[in-house]
Amino acid sequence: MTLAYQKLKSFDLQQGVIYIGFLAIFLFFALTLHDDGFLTSRNLTNIVLQTAPATIMAIGLVFALSAGEIDLSFGSVVAVSALSAAVVMQHFPMPVGILAGLGAGLAIGAFNGALVAYGRLPSFLVTLATMGLFAGIARTMTDLRSIPVLNENFTGLFGSGKLLSVPSLVIWTAIAVGIGHIVYRNTRLGAHVLAVGDNARAAQVSGIKVARVRLYVLTLCGGCAGLAGLLYAGRLQAAKYTLGESDLMTVIAAVIVGGTALNGGKGSVIGALLGSLLMGMLNNGLILMGLDVSDQMIVRGLIILLAVAVSLRDTSR
């Protein structure tokens, strides 16, 4: 009796809710939308493809939140990175365009990280400001014009291509999740991120370079957003200033629902993947049910409220 009680008491509600919720929502849509094509392989594959950029961004946000920081600017970084790659590829070879897109994301992330780590500014306010700053830059880069991406090698690599019948977007997602999970769980950086998020002062005393960790996690957020921008440009075969601007709530919801604590010290890359797929499945199912965008926003907001409540309840134990 005592052992069973101890196991129940130690159950991680925040981590477990994602698995229970994912299964429950999947079964709900599978039963109610069976005749509407929800369970078709084409529809399920589309859910994975549509959520690929959000999943990539969620990985970076897991590291940031786990370190006790947050990045609100990644939606704007997506647009700047995609536009940078598209514009550069109009005049230079594809590898240069890829470097431009990823470099833009990493540079913006490092800029945010430097202000937080060495300027000692709150990451919430810094990234809130840079979200608007780089959204404006994205709009002025091409005078609100979309830039076509006509390089077939690029669109194949980052969008419509396949390797052994596996879509490239699925491959990118698998690679990013695999690397992110290993780094988060099995490297010194991952351990330092969790230590800083759990107690920054104690981490500093133990010899961890807290400022450097904060710089790294926000740079990683920018890099992940840069890769997401390339995936958007490849899949849509165009880059536009609106790319990524609607992803903020979706990515934050995916990460929180996936078991990453808002106040740092705990997170899960695999949970973020499931959270992203859950949000994509929700959007897909609600569309098939005939609900519009506003209804999807309401449902997403309710899910975030529930996830935050679970997160605060779990961390207060």
C-alpha atoms as a PDB file:
ATOM      1  CA  MET A   1       0.000   0.000   0.000  1.00  0.00           C
ATOM      2  CA  THR A   2       2.807   2.375   0.942  1.00  0.00           C
ATOM      3  CA  LEU A   3       4.783   1.536  -2.205  1.00  0.00           C
ATOM      4  CA  ALA A   4       1.757   2.091  -4.426  1.00  0.00           C
ATOM      5  CA  TYR A   5       1.092   5.430  -2.723  1.00  0.00           C
ATOM      6  CA  GLN A   6       4.704   6.519  -3.225  1.00  0.00           C
ATOM      7  CA  LYS A   7       4.556   5.633  -6.922  1.00  0.00           C
ATOM      8  CA  LEU A   8       1.308   7.539  -7.317  1.00  0.00           C
ATOM      9  CA  LYS A   9       2.749  10.534  -5.468  1.00  0.00           C
ATOM     10  CA  SER A  10       5.862  10.555  -7.631  1.00  0.00           C
ATOM     11  CA  PHE A  11       3.876  10.324 -10.884  1.00  0.00           C
ATOM     12  CA  ASP A  12       4.861  13.194 -13.153  1.00  0.00           C
ATOM     13  CA  LEU A  13       1.473  14.614 -14.094  1.00  0.00           C
ATOM     14  CA  GLN A  14       2.973  17.175 -16.462  1.00  0.00           C
ATOM     15  CA  GLN A  15       4.880  14.529 -18.424  1.00  0.00           C
ATOM     16  CA  GLY A  16       2.066  11.991 -18.366  1.00  0.00           C
ATOM     17  CA  VAL A  17      -0.689  14.314 -19.550  1.00  0.00           C
ATOM     18  CA  ILE A  18       0.812  14.632 -23.025  1.00  0.00           C
ATOM     19  CA  TYR A  19       0.618  10.886 -23.656  1.00  0.00           C
ATOM     20  CA  ILE A  20      -2.874  10.588 -22.242  1.00  0.00           C
ATOM     21  CA  GLY A  21      -4.063  13.715 -24.041  1.00  0.00           C
ATOM     22  CA  PHE A  22      -2.506  12.720 -27.357  1.00  0.00           C
ATOM     23  CA  LEU A  23      -4.165   9.305 -27.275  1.00  0.00           C
ATOM     24  CA  ALA A  24      -7.520  10.700 -26.156  1.00  0.00           C
ATOM     25  CA  ILE A  25      -7.645  13.381 -28.872  1.00  0.00           C
ATOM     26  CA  PHE A  26      -6.509  10.927 -31.540  1.00  0.00           C
ATOM     27  CA  LEU A  27      -9.208   8.448 -30.580  1.00  0.00           C
ATOM     28  CA  PHE A  28     -11.839  11.205 -30.477  1.00  0.00           C
ATOM     29  CA  PHE A  29     -11.066  12.377 -34.006  1.00  0.00           C
ATOM     30  CA  ALA A  30     -10.625   8.828 -35.271  1.00  0.00           C
ATOM     31  CA  LEU A  31     -14.121   7.900 -34.091  1.00  0.00           C
ATOM     32  CA  THR A  32     -15.951  11.120 -34.992  1.00  0.00           C
ATOM     33  CA  LEU A  33     -14.192  11.826 -38.301  1.00  0.00           C
ATOM     34  CA  HIS A  34     -13.792   8.285 -39.576  1.00  0.00           C
ATOM     35  CA  ASP A  35     -15.898   9.047 -42.653  1.00  0.00           C
ATOM     36  CA  ASP A  36     -14.186  12.402 -43.257  1.00  0.00           C
ATOM     37  CA  GLY A  37     -10.756  10.979 -44.020  1.00  0.00           C
ATOM     38  CA  PHE A  38      -8.981  11.689 -40.724  1.00  0.00           C
ATOM     39  CA  LEU A  39      -7.410   8.226 -40.569  1.00  0.00           C
ATOM     40  CA  THR A  40      -6.212   8.146 -44.157  1.00  0.00           C
ATOM     41  CA  SER A  41      -2.464   7.856 -44.599  1.00  0.00           C
ATOM     42  CA  ARG A  42      -2.459  11.016 -46.693  1.00  0.00           C
ATOM     43  CA  ASN A  43      -4.117  13.077 -43.956  1.00  0.00           C
ATOM     44  CA  LEU A  44      -1.906  11.711 -41.171  1.00  0.00           C
ATOM     45  CA  THR A  45       1.191  12.365 -43.275  1.00  0.00           C
ATOM     46  CA  ASN A  46       0.015  15.927 -43.913  1.00  0.00           C
ATOM     47  CA  ILE A  47      -0.261  16.498 -40.160  1.00  0.00           C
ATOM     48  CA  VAL A  48       3.389  15.511 -39.714  1.00  0.00           C
ATOM     49  CA  LEU A  49       4.505  17.637 -42.675  1.00  0.00           C
ATOM     50  CA  GLN A  50       2.568  20.700 -41.537  1.00  0.00           C
ATOM     51  CA  THR A  51       3.947  20.511 -38.013  1.00  0.00           C
ATOM     52  CA  ALA A  52       7.602  20.034 -39.017  1.00  0.00           C
ATOM     53  CA  PRO A  53       8.629  23.736 -38.745  1.00  0.00           C
ATOM     54  CA  ALA A  54       6.791  24.122 -35.418  1.00  0.00           C
ATOM     55  CA  THR A  55       8.511  21.014 -34.066  1.00  0.00           C
ATOM     56  CA  ILE A  56      11.935  22.399 -35.007  1.00  0.00           C
ATOM     57  CA  MET A  57      11.166  25.697 -33.253  1.00  0.00           C
ATOM     58  CA  ALA A  58       9.790  23.839 -30.225  1.00  0.00           C
ATOM     59  CA  ILE A  59      13.132  22.067 -29.740  1.00  0.00           C
ATOM     60  CA  GLY A  60      14.932  25.382 -29.347  1.00  0.00           C
ATOM     61  CA  LEU A  61      12.257  26.674 -26.990  1.00  0.00           C
ATOM     62  CA  VAL A  62      12.612  23.594 -24.777  1.00  0.00           C
ATOM     63  CA  PHE A  63      16.241  24.548 -24.141  1.00  0.00           C
ATOM     64  CA  ALA A  64      15.369  28.189 -23.488  1.00  0.00           C
ATOM     65  CA  LEU A  65      12.517  27.498 -21.066  1.00  0.00           C
ATOM     66  CA  SER A  66      14.539  24.809 -19.297  1.00  0.00           C
ATOM     67  CA  ALA A  67      17.235  27.418 -18.636  1.00  0.00           C
ATOM     68  CA  GLY A  68      14.651  29.797 -17.203  1.00  0.00           C
ATOM     69  CA  GLU A  69      14.495  32.007 -20.311  1.00  0.00           C
ATOM     70  CA  ILE A  70      11.972  32.508 -23.106  1.00  0.00           C
ATOM     71  CA  ASP A  71      12.109  33.543 -26.755  1.00  0.00           C
ATOM     72  CA  LEU A  72       9.103  35.332 -28.248  1.00  0.00           C
ATOM     73  CA  SER A  73      10.873  36.448 -31.421  1.00  0.00           C
ATOM     74  CA  PHE A  74      11.234  33.150 -33.286  1.00  0.00           C
ATOM     75  CA  GLY A  75       8.217  33.815 -35.518  1.00  0.00           C
ATOM     76  CA  SER A  76       9.885  36.951 -36.868  1.00  0.00           C
ATOM     77  CA  VAL A  77      13.188  35.090 -37.206  1.00  0.00           C
ATOM     78  CA  VAL A  78      11.468  32.515 -39.427  1.00  0.00           C
ATOM     79  CA  ALA A  79      10.420  35.220 -41.888  1.00  0.00           C
ATOM     80  CA  VAL A  80      13.822  36.964 -41.920  1.00  0.00           C
ATOM     81  CA  SER A  81      15.659  33.656 -42.432  1.00  0.00           C
ATOM     82  CA  ALA A  82      13.368  32.477 -45.219  1.00  0.00           C
ATOM     83  CA  LEU A  83      13.569  35.817 -47.016  1.00  0.00           C
ATOM     84  CA  SER A  84      17.355  35.961 -46.593  1.00  0.00           C
ATOM     85  CA  ALA A  85      17.756  32.536 -48.173  1.00  0.00           C
ATOM     86  CA  ALA A  86      15.336  33.317 -51.018  1.00  0.00           C
ATOM     87  CA  VAL A  87      16.928  36.670 -51.861  1.00  0.00           C
ATOM     88  CA  VAL A  88      20.490  35.339 -51.750  1.00  0.00           C
ATOM     89  CA  MET A  89      19.619  32.349 -53.957  1.00  0.00           C
ATOM     90  CA  GLN A  90      18.478  34.731 -56.668  1.00  0.00           C
ATOM     91  CA  HIS A  91      22.104  35.780 -57.133  1.00  0.00           C
ATOM     92  CA  PHE A  92      24.254  33.034 -55.592  1.00  0.00           C
ATOM     93  CA  PRO A  93      24.351  29.202 -55.476  1.00  0.00           C
ATOM     94  CA  MET A  94      22.056  27.248 -53.182  1.00  0.00           C
ATOM     95  CA  PRO A  95      24.638  26.563 -50.410  1.00  0.00           C
ATOM     96  CA  VAL A  96      25.180  30.295 -49.998  1.00  0.00           C
ATOM     97  CA  GLY A  97      21.442  30.820 -49.637  1.00  0.00           C
ATOM     98  CA  ILE A  98      21.206  28.080 -47.021  1.00  0.00           C
ATOM     99  CA  LEU A  99      24.068  29.629 -45.066  1.00  0.00           C
ATOM    100  CA  ALA A 100      22.388  33.031 -45.311  1.00  0.00           C
ATOM    101  CA  GLY A 101      19.109  31.691 -43.920  1.00  0.00           C
ATOM    102  CA  LEU A 102      20.679  29.725 -41.079  1.00  0.00           C
ATOM    103  CA  GLY A 103      23.184  32.502 -40.400  1.00  0.00           C
ATOM    104  CA  ALA A 104      20.413  35.070 -40.066  1.00  0.00           C
ATOM    105  CA  GLY A 105      18.651  32.911 -37.493  1.00  0.00           C
ATOM    106  CA  LEU A 106      21.805  32.231 -35.498  1.00  0.00           C
ATOM    107  CA  ALA A 107      22.838  35.892 -35.602  1.00  0.00           C
ATOM    108  CA  ILE A 108      19.472  37.094 -34.307  1.00  0.00           C
ATOM    109  CA  GLY A 109      19.501  34.428 -31.618  1.00  0.00           C
ATOM    110  CA  ALA A 110      23.028  35.442 -30.572  1.00  0.00           C
ATOM    111  CA  PHE A 111      21.912  39.089 -30.493  1.00  0.00           C
ATOM    112  CA  ASN A 112      19.050  38.200 -28.162  1.00  0.00           C
ATOM    113  CA  GLY A 113      21.340  36.012 -26.091  1.00  0.00           C
ATOM    114  CA  ALA A 114      24.012  38.681 -25.707  1.00  0.00           C
ATOM    115  CA  LEU A 115      21.469  41.224 -24.462  1.00  0.00           C
ATOM    116  CA  VAL A 116      20.127  38.731 -21.936  1.00  0.00           C
ATOM    117  CA  ALA A 117      23.402  37.135 -20.844  1.00  0.00           C
ATOM    118  CA  TYR A 118      25.718  40.130 -20.775  1.00  0.00           C
ATOM    119  CA  GLY A 119      23.307  43.069 -20.828  1.00  0.00           C
ATOM    120  CA  ARG A 120      21.411  41.429 -17.947  1.00  0.00           C
ATOM    121  CA  LEU A 121      18.045  42.223 -19.519  1.00  0.00           C
ATOM    122  CA  PRO A 122      14.966  39.993 -19.073  1.00  0.00           C
ATOM    123  CA  SER A 123      14.582  37.611 -22.013  1.00  0.00           C
ATOM    124  CA  PHE A 124      10.834  38.214 -22.093  1.00  0.00           C
ATOM    125  CA  LEU A 125      11.261  41.932 -22.731  1.00  0.00           C
ATOM    126  CA  VAL A 126      14.263  41.526 -25.047  1.00  0.00           C
ATOM    127  CA  THR A 127      12.570  39.027 -27.333  1.00  0.00           C
ATOM    128  CA  LEU A 128       9.264  40.887 -27.194  1.00  0.00           C
ATOM    129  CA  ALA A 129      11.111  43.925 -28.527  1.00  0.00           C
ATOM    130  CA  THR A 130      13.084  42.023 -31.153  1.00  0.00           C
ATOM    131  CA  MET A 131       9.920  40.247 -32.262  1.00  0.00           C
ATOM    132  CA  GLY A 132       8.589  43.614 -33.424  1.00  0.00           C
ATOM    133  CA  LEU A 133      11.980  44.781 -34.651  1.00  0.00           C
ATOM    134  CA  PHE A 134      12.595  41.840 -36.954  1.00  0.00           C
ATOM    135  CA  ALA A 135       8.970  41.627 -38.048  1.00  0.00           C
ATOM    136  CA  GLY A 136       9.444  45.169 -39.351  1.00  0.00           C
ATOM    137  CA  ILE A 137      12.756  44.237 -40.970  1.00  0.00           C
ATOM    138  CA  ALA A 138      11.086  41.287 -42.715  1.00  0.00           C
ATOM    139  CA  ARG A 139       8.466  43.631 -44.128  1.00  0.00           C
ATOM    140  CA  THR A 140      11.030  46.102 -45.440  1.00  0.00           C
ATOM    141  CA  MET A 141      13.434  43.519 -46.887  1.00  0.00           C
ATOM    142  CA  THR A 142      11.321  42.999 -50.002  1.00  0.00           C
ATOM    143  CA  ASP A 143       8.698  45.766 -49.721  1.00  0.00           C
ATOM    144  CA  LEU A 144       6.027  43.267 -48.636  1.00  0.00           C
ATOM    145  CA  ARG A 145       6.601  41.162 -51.757  1.00  0.00           C
ATOM    146  CA  SER A 146       6.859  37.386 -51.640  1.00  0.00           C
ATOM    147  CA  ILE A 147      10.040  35.946 -53.171  1.00  0.00           C
ATOM    148  CA  PRO A 148       9.683  32.744 -55.221  1.00  0.00           C
ATOM    149  CA  VAL A 149      12.095  29.908 -54.520  1.00  0.00           C
ATOM    150  CA  LEU A 150      12.715  28.265 -57.878  1.00  0.00           C
ATOM    151  CA  ASN A 151      15.780  26.181 -57.038  1.00  0.00           C
ATOM    152  CA  GLU A 152      14.543  22.589 -57.345  1.00  0.00           C
ATOM    153  CA  ASN A 153      17.425  21.212 -55.294  1.00  0.00           C
ATOM    154  CA  PHE A 154      16.513  23.520 -52.433  1.00  0.00           C
ATOM    155  CA  THR A 155      12.779  22.755 -52.549  1.00  0.00           C
ATOM    156  CA  GLY A 156      13.562  19.060 -52.737  1.00  0.00           C
ATOM    157  CA  LEU A 157      15.967  19.183 -49.797  1.00  0.00           C
ATOM    158  CA  PHE A 158      13.808  21.330 -47.536  1.00  0.00           C
ATOM    159  CA  GLY A 159      10.284  20.762 -48.799  1.00  0.00           C
ATOM    160  CA  SER A 160       8.888  18.412 -51.379  1.00  0.00           C
ATOM    161  CA  GLY A 161      11.717  15.889 -51.748  1.00  0.00           C
ATOM    162  CA  LYS A 162      11.843  12.312 -50.506  1.00  0.00           C
ATOM    163  CA  LEU A 163      14.535   9.846 -49.520  1.00  0.00           C
ATOM    164  CA  LEU A 164      13.515   6.194 -49.858  1.00  0.00           C
ATOM    165  CA  SER A 165       9.884   7.332 -49.977  1.00  0.00           C
ATOM    166  CA  VAL A 166      10.287   9.280 -46.696  1.00  0.00           C
ATOM    167  CA  PRO A 167       9.465  13.012 -47.100  1.00  0.00           C
ATOM    168  CA  SER A 168      12.376  15.345 -46.443  1.00  0.00           C
ATOM    169  CA  LEU A 169      10.364  17.271 -43.835  1.00  0.00           C
ATOM    170  CA  VAL A 170       9.946  14.073 -41.823  1.00  0.00           C
ATOM    171  CA  ILE A 171      13.678  13.395 -42.096  1.00  0.00           C
ATOM    172  CA  TRP A 172      14.561  16.901 -40.904  1.00  0.00           C
ATOM    173  CA  THR A 173      12.148  16.512 -37.990  1.00  0.00           C
ATOM    174  CA  ALA A 174      13.613  13.141 -36.996  1.00  0.00           C
ATOM    175  CA  ILE A 175      17.191  14.444 -37.198  1.00  0.00           C
ATOM    176  CA  ALA A 176      16.418  17.571 -35.168  1.00  0.00           C
ATOM    177  CA  VAL A 177      14.476  15.682 -32.493  1.00  0.00           C
ATOM    178  CA  GLY A 178      17.165  12.997 -32.247  1.00  0.00           C
ATOM    179  CA  ILE A 179      20.014  15.486 -31.882  1.00  0.00           C
ATOM    180  CA  GLY A 180      18.012  17.700 -29.542  1.00  0.00           C
ATOM    181  CA  HIS A 181      17.067  14.786 -27.280  1.00  0.00           C
ATOM    182  CA  ILE A 182      20.636  13.477 -27.077  1.00  0.00           C
ATOM    183  CA  VAL A 183      22.093  16.909 -26.341  1.00  0.00           C
ATOM    184  CA  TYR A 184      19.403  17.662 -23.775  1.00  0.00           C
ATOM    185  CA  ARG A 185      19.640  14.354 -21.913  1.00  0.00           C
ATOM    186  CA  ASN A 186      23.188  13.106 -22.427  1.00  0.00           C
ATOM    187  CA  THR A 187      25.599  16.036 -22.680  1.00  0.00           C
ATOM    188  CA  ARG A 188      27.176  18.543 -20.327  1.00  0.00           C
ATOM    189  CA  LEU A 189      25.335  21.378 -22.054  1.00  0.00           C
ATOM    190  CA  GLY A 190      21.984  19.760 -21.341  1.00  0.00           C
ATOM    191  CA  ALA A 191      22.899  19.228 -17.704  1.00  0.00           C
ATOM    192  CA  HIS A 192      24.049  22.836 -17.396  1.00  0.00           C
ATOM    193  CA  VAL A 193      20.829  24.104 -18.981  1.00  0.00           C
ATOM    194  CA  LEU A 194      18.742  22.200 -16.432  1.00  0.00           C
ATOM    195  CA  ALA A 195      20.968  23.331 -13.560  1.00  0.00           C
ATOM    196  CA  VAL A 196      20.698  26.988 -14.556  1.00  0.00           C
ATOM    197  CA  GLY A 197      16.934  26.752 -14.914  1.00  0.00           C
ATOM    198  CA  ASP A 198      16.556  24.994 -11.581  1.00  0.00           C
ATOM    199  CA  ASN A 199      18.719  27.431  -9.594  1.00  0.00           C
ATOM    200  CA  ALA A 200      20.932  29.912 -11.433  1.00  0.00           C
ATOM    201  CA  ARG A 201      22.717  31.104  -8.288  1.00  0.00           C
ATOM    202  CA  ALA A 202      23.621  27.575  -7.206  1.00  0.00           C
ATOM    203  CA  ALA A 203      24.732  26.760 -10.749  1.00  0.00           C
ATOM    204  CA  GLN A 204      27.018  29.811 -10.736  1.00  0.00           C
ATOM    205  CA  VAL A 205      28.543  28.767  -7.396  1.00  0.00           C
ATOM    206  CA  SER A 206      29.174  25.249  -8.713  1.00  0.00           C
ATOM    207  CA  GLY A 207      31.243  26.643 -11.582  1.00  0.00           C
ATOM    208  CA  ILE A 208      28.708  26.694 -14.410  1.00  0.00           C
ATOM    209  CA  LYS A 209      29.039  29.750 -16.653  1.00  0.00           C
ATOM    210  CA  VAL A 210      25.432  30.884 -16.413  1.00  0.00           C
ATOM    211  CA  ALA A 211      25.753  33.781 -18.860  1.00  0.00           C
ATOM    212  CA  ARG A 212      27.253  31.513 -21.489  1.00  0.00           C
ATOM    213  CA  VAL A 213      24.445  28.979 -21.080  1.00  0.00           C
ATOM    214  CA  ARG A 214      21.861  31.730 -21.571  1.00  0.00           C
ATOM    215  CA  LEU A 215      23.673  32.900 -24.685  1.00  0.00           C
ATOM    216  CA  TYR A 216      23.764  29.344 -26.044  1.00  0.00           C
ATOM    217  CA  VAL A 217      20.073  28.563 -25.517  1.00  0.00           C
ATOM    218  CA  LEU A 218      18.846  31.768 -27.154  1.00  0.00           C
ATOM    219  CA  THR A 219      21.280  31.319 -30.041  1.00  0.00           C
ATOM    220  CA  LEU A 220      19.916  27.801 -30.439  1.00  0.00           C
ATOM    221  CA  CYS A 221      16.374  29.198 -30.539  1.00  0.00           C
ATOM    222  CA  GLY A 222      17.403  31.507 -33.356  1.00  0.00           C
ATOM    223  CA  GLY A 223      19.116  28.690 -35.237  1.00  0.00           C
ATOM    224  CA  CYS A 224      16.055  26.443 -34.952  1.00  0.00           C
ATOM    225  CA  ALA A 225      13.852  29.278 -36.211  1.00  0.00           C
ATOM    226  CA  GLY A 226      16.275  29.766 -39.100  1.00  0.00           C
ATOM    227  CA  LEU A 227      15.968  26.098 -40.072  1.00  0.00           C
ATOM    228  CA  ALA A 228      12.177  26.337 -39.759  1.00  0.00           C
ATOM    229  CA  GLY A 229      12.281  29.280 -42.166  1.00  0.00           C
ATOM    230  CA  LEU A 230      14.154  27.156 -44.714  1.00  0.00           C
ATOM    231  CA  LEU A 231      11.570  24.381 -44.331  1.00  0.00           C
ATOM    232  CA  TYR A 232       8.729  26.848 -44.902  1.00  0.00           C
ATOM    233  CA  ALA A 233      10.443  28.295 -47.974  1.00  0.00           C
ATOM    234  CA  GLY A 234      11.138  24.837 -49.358  1.00  0.00           C
ATOM    235  CA  ARG A 235       7.635  23.501 -48.800  1.00  0.00           C
ATOM    236  CA  LEU A 236       5.806  26.595 -50.059  1.00  0.00           C
ATOM    237  CA  GLN A 237       8.419  27.334 -52.766  1.00  0.00           C
ATOM    238  CA  ALA A 238       8.336  30.968 -51.705  1.00  0.00           C
ATOM    239  CA  ALA A 239       9.322  33.242 -48.843  1.00  0.00           C
ATOM    240  CA  LYS A 240       7.110  35.971 -47.409  1.00  0.00           C
ATOM    241  CA  TYR A 241       7.144  38.280 -44.411  1.00  0.00           C
ATOM    242  CA  THR A 242       4.094  36.511 -42.939  1.00  0.00           C
ATOM    243  CA  LEU A 243       5.901  33.189 -42.492  1.00  0.00           C
ATOM    244  CA  GLY A 244       6.020  32.151 -38.858  1.00  0.00           C
ATOM    245  CA  GLU A 245       3.937  35.011 -37.497  1.00  0.00           C
ATOM    246  CA  SER A 246       1.106  32.682 -36.419  1.00  0.00           C
ATOM    247  CA  ASP A 247       3.395  30.065 -34.874  1.00  0.00           C
ATOM    248  CA  LEU A 248       4.126  31.706 -31.528  1.00  0.00           C
ATOM    249  CA  MET A 249       1.135  30.348 -29.631  1.00  0.00           C
ATOM    250  CA  THR A 250       1.312  26.960 -31.334  1.00  0.00           C
ATOM    251  CA  VAL A 251       4.965  26.413 -30.443  1.00  0.00           C
ATOM    252  CA  ILE A 252       4.593  27.642 -26.869  1.00  0.00           C
ATOM    253  CA  ALA A 253       1.556  25.390 -26.437  1.00  0.00           C
ATOM    254  CA  ALA A 254       3.429  22.394 -27.860  1.00  0.00           C
ATOM    255  CA  VAL A 255       6.361  22.902 -25.495  1.00  0.00           C
ATOM    256  CA  ILE A 256       4.277  23.474 -22.362  1.00  0.00           C
ATOM    257  CA  VAL A 257       1.883  20.623 -23.128  1.00  0.00           C
ATOM    258  CA  GLY A 258       4.937  18.458 -23.830  1.00  0.00           C
ATOM    259  CA  GLY A 259       6.146  18.740 -20.251  1.00  0.00           C
ATOM    260  CA  THR A 260       8.599  21.637 -20.167  1.00  0.00           C
ATOM    261  CA  ALA A 261       8.286  23.673 -16.983  1.00  0.00           C
ATOM    262  CA  LEU A 262       7.606  27.393 -17.330  1.00  0.00           C
ATOM    263  CA  ASN A 263       9.944  28.259 -14.474  1.00  0.00           C
ATOM    264  CA  GLY A 264      12.858  26.188 -15.764  1.00  0.00           C
ATOM    265  CA  GLY A 265      14.718  23.110 -14.605  1.00  0.00           C
ATOM    266  CA  LYS A 266      12.677  20.493 -16.463  1.00  0.00           C
ATOM    267  CA  GLY A 267      11.716  19.740 -20.028  1.00  0.00           C
ATOM    268  CA  SER A 268      11.367  17.140 -22.744  1.00  0.00           C
ATOM    269  CA  VAL A 269      12.287  17.244 -26.424  1.00  0.00           C
ATOM    270  CA  ILE A 270      10.223  14.121 -27.113  1.00  0.00           C
ATOM    271  CA  GLY A 271       7.338  15.734 -25.263  1.00  0.00           C
ATOM    272  CA  ALA A 272       7.685  18.834 -27.446  1.00  0.00           C
ATOM    273  CA  LEU A 273       7.457  16.606 -30.535  1.00  0.00           C
ATOM    274  CA  LEU A 274       4.259  15.012 -29.239  1.00  0.00           C
ATOM    275  CA  GLY A 275       2.927  18.416 -28.247  1.00  0.00           C
ATOM    276  CA  SER A 276       3.564  19.765 -31.726  1.00  0.00           C
ATOM    277  CA  LEU A 277       1.874  16.762 -33.330  1.00  0.00           C
ATOM    278  CA  LEU A 278      -1.026  17.148 -30.910  1.00  0.00           C
ATOM    279  CA  MET A 279      -1.507  20.805 -31.896  1.00  0.00           C
ATOM    280  CA  GLY A 280      -1.298  19.874 -35.578  1.00  0.00           C
ATOM    281  CA  MET A 281      -3.785  17.054 -35.068  1.00  0.00           C
ATOM    282  CA  LEU A 282      -6.134  19.432 -33.272  1.00  0.00           C
ATOM    283  CA  ASN A 283      -6.017  21.990 -36.072  1.00  0.00           C
ATOM    284  CA  ASN A 284      -6.528  19.278 -38.678  1.00  0.00           C
ATOM    285  CA  GLY A 285      -9.415  17.670 -36.822  1.00  0.00           C
ATOM    286  CA  LEU A 286     -11.153  20.970 -36.120  1.00  0.00           C
ATOM    287  CA  ILE A 287     -10.916  21.931 -39.797  1.00  0.00           C
ATOM    288  CA  LEU A 288     -12.417  18.589 -40.821  1.00  0.00           C
ATOM    289  CA  MET A 289     -15.217  19.247 -38.314  1.00  0.00           C
ATOM    290  CA  GLY A 290     -15.926  22.553 -40.080  1.00  0.00           C
ATOM    291  CA  LEU A 291     -14.649  24.925 -37.398  1.00  0.00           C
ATOM    292  CA  ASP A 292     -12.940  28.138 -38.486  1.00  0.00           C
ATOM    293  CA  VAL A 293      -9.662  29.750 -37.419  1.00  0.00           C
ATOM    294  CA  SER A 294     -11.206  31.647 -34.497  1.00  0.00           C
ATOM    295  CA  ASP A 295     -12.536  28.406 -33.027  1.00  0.00           C
ATOM    296  CA  GLN A 296      -9.084  26.845 -33.377  1.00  0.00           C
ATOM    297  CA  MET A 297      -7.596  29.803 -31.503  1.00  0.00           C
ATOM    298  CA  ILE A 298     -10.103  29.340 -28.680  1.00  0.00           C
ATOM    299  CA  VAL A 299      -9.310  25.642 -28.351  1.00  0.00           C
ATOM    300  CA  ARG A 300      -5.559  26.339 -28.459  1.00  0.00           C
ATOM    301  CA  GLY A 301      -5.886  28.965 -25.742  1.00  0.00           C
ATOM    302  CA  LEU A 302      -7.857  26.582 -23.516  1.00  0.00           C
ATOM    303  CA  ILE A 303      -5.195  23.913 -23.970  1.00  0.00           C
ATOM    304  CA  ILE A 304      -2.462  26.352 -22.968  1.00  0.00           C
ATOM    305  CA  LEU A 305      -4.428  27.323 -19.844  1.00  0.00           C
ATOM    306  CA  LEU A 306      -4.829  23.668 -18.922  1.00  0.00           C
ATOM    307  CA  ALA A 307      -1.143  22.958 -19.557  1.00  0.00           C
ATOM    308  CA  VAL A 308      -0.039  25.959 -17.472  1.00  0.00           C
ATOM    309  CA  ALA A 309      -2.318  24.862 -14.623  1.00  0.00           C
ATOM    310  CA  VAL A 310      -0.829  21.365 -14.718  1.00  0.00           C
ATOM    311  CA  SER A 311       2.689  22.768 -14.931  1.00  0.00           C
ATOM    312  CA  LEU A 312       2.262  25.023 -11.886  1.00  0.00           C
ATOM    313  CA  ARG A 313       0.502  22.289  -9.923  1.00  0.00           C
ATOM    314  CA  ASP A 314       3.290  19.805 -10.701  1.00  0.00           C
ATOM    315  CA  THR A 315       6.165  22.152  -9.840  1.00  0.00           C
ATOM    316  CA  SER A 316       4.529  23.265  -6.570  1.00  0.00           C
ATOM    317  CA  ARG A 317       4.764  19.773  -5.079  1.00  0.00           C
END
